[in-house]
């Protein structure tokens, strides 16, 4: 009966260790959660994509008036990105 008792104690210890490990993982994940407003995150990401596209257009455009328009649009995007607060 001694071996069976030791086996139960070992199993109980493994279960307890696993429960503690799961608790540590849950606490770690809770601290890593993104607490930012999802709408602001989406707006910022949209502005980043728009800026990337405009930068690509600026590189490909030879017409000076269009380049001025793109630069103005980039300035507006940068202003809006700066206005988003987290």
Protein backbone atom coordinates (compact mmCIF):
# COMPACT_ATOMS: atom_id res chain seq x y z
CA UNK A 1 0.00 0.00 0.00
CA UNK A 2 3.01 2.24 0.50
CA UNK A 3 3.73 2.47 -3.24
CA UNK A 4 0.11 3.33 -4.03
CA UNK A 5 0.12 6.09 -1.42
CA UNK A 6 3.31 7.55 -2.83
CA UNK A 7 1.79 7.46 -6.32
CA UNK A 8 -1.24 9.38 -5.11
CA UNK A 9 0.96 11.97 -3.41
CA UNK A 10 3.04 12.35 -6.59
CA UNK A 11 -0.09 12.73 -8.73
CA UNK A 12 -1.51 15.28 -6.29
CA UNK A 13 1.76 17.24 -6.40
CA UNK A 14 1.74 17.22 -10.22
CA UNK A 15 -1.85 18.44 -10.29
CA UNK A 16 -1.04 21.22 -7.84
CA UNK A 17 2.00 22.28 -9.88
CA UNK A 18 -0.10 22.34 -13.05
CA UNK A 19 -2.78 24.45 -11.36
CA UNK A 20 -0.14 26.92 -10.19
CA UNK A 21 1.34 27.04 -13.69
CA UNK A 22 -2.08 27.78 -15.19
CA UNK A 23 -2.67 30.53 -12.64
CA UNK A 24 0.69 32.15 -13.47
CA UNK A 25 -0.17 32.00 -17.18
CA UNK A 26 -3.59 33.56 -16.59
CA UNK A 27 -2.06 36.41 -14.57
CA UNK A 28 0.60 36.99 -17.24
CA UNK A 29 -2.04 37.17 -19.98
CA UNK A 30 -4.20 39.54 -17.93
CA UNK A 31 -1.29 41.95 -17.63
CA UNK A 32 -0.61 41.78 -21.37
CA UNK A 33 -4.13 42.65 -22.52
CA UNK A 34 -4.59 45.55 -24.88
CA UNK A 35 -6.66 48.13 -23.02
CA UNK A 36 -6.84 50.62 -25.88
CA UNK A 37 -10.14 51.61 -27.48
CA UNK A 38 -10.68 49.25 -30.45
CA UNK A 39 -12.18 52.05 -32.56
CA UNK A 40 -9.08 54.18 -32.05
CA UNK A 41 -6.81 51.25 -32.83
CA UNK A 42 -8.76 50.63 -36.04
CA UNK A 43 -8.66 54.33 -36.98
CA UNK A 44 -4.90 54.47 -36.40
CA UNK A 45 -4.31 51.35 -38.47
CA UNK A 46 -6.46 52.76 -41.28
CA UNK A 47 -4.45 55.99 -41.25
CA UNK A 48 -1.18 54.02 -41.33
CA UNK A 49 -2.36 52.10 -44.38
CA UNK A 50 -3.48 55.30 -46.10
CA UNK A 51 -0.13 56.92 -45.36
CA UNK A 52 1.72 53.93 -46.81
CA UNK A 53 -0.36 54.08 -49.98
CA UNK A 54 0.16 57.82 -50.37
CA UNK A 55 3.90 57.45 -49.85
CA UNK A 56 3.93 54.83 -52.61
CA UNK A 57 1.98 57.18 -54.89
CA UNK A 58 4.34 60.05 -54.10
CA UNK A 59 7.32 57.99 -55.21
CA UNK A 60 5.59 56.97 -58.45
CA UNK A 61 4.14 60.37 -59.41
CA UNK A 62 6.04 62.73 -61.68
CA UNK A 63 3.42 65.49 -62.02
CA UNK A 64 4.33 68.27 -59.57
CA UNK A 65 0.75 69.40 -58.78
CA UNK A 66 -0.22 65.85 -57.85
CA UNK A 67 2.90 65.57 -55.67
CA UNK A 68 1.81 68.72 -53.81
CA UNK A 69 -1.66 67.22 -53.26
CA UNK A 70 -0.16 63.99 -51.94
CA UNK A 71 2.15 65.88 -49.56
CA UNK A 72 -0.82 67.85 -48.24
CA UNK A 73 -2.77 64.63 -47.75
CA UNK A 74 0.20 63.10 -45.91
CA UNK A 75 0.33 66.13 -43.65
CA UNK A 76 -3.36 65.74 -42.84
CA UNK A 77 -2.93 62.03 -42.11
CA UNK A 78 0.01 62.75 -39.82
CA UNK A 79 -2.04 65.41 -38.02
CA UNK A 80 -4.92 62.98 -37.50
CA UNK A 81 -2.57 60.26 -36.31
CA UNK A 82 -1.11 62.67 -33.77
CA UNK A 83 -4.60 63.56 -32.54
CA UNK A 84 -5.43 59.95 -31.62
CA UNK A 85 -4.80 59.44 -27.92
CA UNK A 86 -4.56 56.13 -26.11
